[in-house]
Protein backbone atom coordinates (compact mmCIF):
# COMPACT_ATOMS: atom_id res chain seq x y z
CA MET A 1 0.00 0.00 0.00
CA ALA A 2 1.47 3.37 -0.97
CA ALA A 3 1.66 5.92 1.79
CA ASP A 4 0.23 9.37 1.23
CA LYS A 5 3.01 11.91 1.02
CA GLN A 6 2.62 15.30 2.56
CA HIS A 7 5.08 18.17 2.59
CA CYS A 8 5.67 20.50 5.50
CA ASP A 9 8.27 23.03 6.48
CA PHE A 10 8.25 21.96 10.14
CA LEU A 11 7.48 18.50 11.52
CA ILE A 12 6.93 18.39 15.27
CA VAL A 13 6.75 15.10 17.14
CA GLY A 14 4.53 15.45 20.18
CA GLY A 15 1.39 17.49 20.74
CA GLY A 16 2.07 18.48 24.33
CA MET A 17 2.62 21.97 25.65
CA ALA A 18 6.05 22.33 24.04
CA GLY A 19 5.08 20.81 20.68
CA CYS A 20 1.88 22.81 20.31
CA SER A 21 3.62 26.00 21.42
CA ALA A 22 6.39 25.44 18.90
CA GLY A 23 3.82 24.77 16.19
CA TYR A 24 1.96 27.96 17.03
CA PHE A 25 5.06 30.12 16.78
CA LEU A 26 6.34 28.39 13.63
CA ALA A 27 3.01 28.57 11.77
CA ASP A 28 3.64 32.07 10.45
CA LYS A 29 7.02 30.94 9.08
CA GLY A 30 5.81 27.91 7.12
CA SER A 31 3.55 24.87 7.12
CA VAL A 32 3.51 22.82 10.33
CA ILE A 33 2.51 19.22 11.03
CA ILE A 34 2.29 18.06 14.63
CA LEU A 35 2.35 14.29 15.14
CA GLU A 36 0.60 13.05 18.28
CA ARG A 37 0.12 9.44 19.37
CA GLU A 38 -2.65 10.07 21.89
CA ASP A 39 -6.34 10.62 21.14
CA GLN A 40 -6.05 14.31 21.89
CA PRO A 41 -3.29 16.91 22.07
CA GLY A 42 -1.89 17.67 25.50
CA TYR A 43 -3.01 14.39 27.09
CA HIS A 44 0.28 13.74 28.93
CA SER A 45 1.22 17.36 28.96
CA THR A 46 2.78 19.61 31.54
CA GLY A 47 -0.56 20.24 33.20
CA ARG A 48 -0.90 16.58 34.12
CA SER A 49 2.71 15.84 34.96
CA ALA A 50 3.97 18.85 36.87
CA ALA A 51 1.04 21.03 37.86
CA VAL A 52 0.04 21.61 41.44
CA TYR A 53 -3.48 22.55 42.45
CA ALA A 54 -2.70 25.48 44.74
CA THR A 55 -5.60 27.53 46.06
CA ARG A 56 -3.28 30.08 47.71
CA TYR A 57 -1.32 31.00 44.55
CA GLY A 58 -1.94 34.23 42.64
CA ASN A 59 -4.21 37.19 43.15
CA ALA A 60 -7.75 37.02 44.54
CA THR A 61 -9.31 36.45 41.11
CA LEU A 62 -6.98 33.58 40.26
CA ARG A 63 -7.52 31.97 43.67
CA THR A 64 -11.31 32.19 43.19
CA ILE A 65 -11.10 30.58 39.73
CA THR A 66 -8.80 27.85 41.07
CA ARG A 67 -11.20 26.97 43.89
CA ALA A 68 -14.15 26.97 41.46
CA ALA A 69 -12.35 24.52 39.13
CA ARG A 70 -11.82 21.89 41.85
CA SER A 71 -14.95 19.85 41.04
CA PHE A 72 -14.00 19.79 37.34
CA PHE A 73 -10.55 18.37 38.13
CA LEU A 74 -11.99 15.79 40.51
CA ASN A 75 -14.76 14.70 38.10
CA PRO A 76 -13.74 15.65 34.53
CA PRO A 77 -16.10 14.95 31.63
CA ALA A 78 -15.40 11.95 29.40
CA VAL A 79 -13.38 13.34 26.49
CA SER A 80 -11.91 10.22 24.95
CA ARG A 81 -12.46 6.50 24.69
CA ARG A 82 -10.62 6.17 28.00
CA GLY A 83 -13.59 7.81 29.69
CA SER A 84 -13.44 10.17 32.57
CA LYS A 85 -10.41 9.98 34.85
CA ARG A 86 -9.48 12.09 37.81
CA SER A 87 -6.84 14.55 36.79
CA MET A 88 -5.74 15.28 40.36
CA THR A 89 -3.90 12.85 42.59
CA PRO A 90 -3.25 13.65 46.25
CA THR A 91 0.42 14.15 47.00
CA THR A 92 2.62 15.66 49.64
CA SER A 93 4.34 18.97 49.04
CA LEU A 94 6.09 21.65 51.01
CA ASP A 95 4.58 25.09 50.56
CA SER A 96 6.84 27.98 51.54
CA THR A 97 4.41 30.67 50.43
CA PRO A 98 3.91 33.29 53.12
CA PRO A 99 0.31 33.55 54.37
CA ARG A 100 -1.76 36.42 52.93
């Protein structure tokens, strides 16, 4: 079976935060193809691997939005064939932020 050939100026492997960001900034310089193995871009991205749900971080507006998003993170909608999975896992951390 012959493979379809497609030309691009930039080929990016990985549709995570870095790959999608690179694609965004390269798009005005040429054609971009982003290859992603998962069902959706950003599935194993920075937000899932290194983010911390911190309700004391940022200004009052950001803290309010963060607290309001808690139920979404605990019970996300089904967005792929994997179904809904919790995107937050309890962990231990040391917070050196001064109290407000």
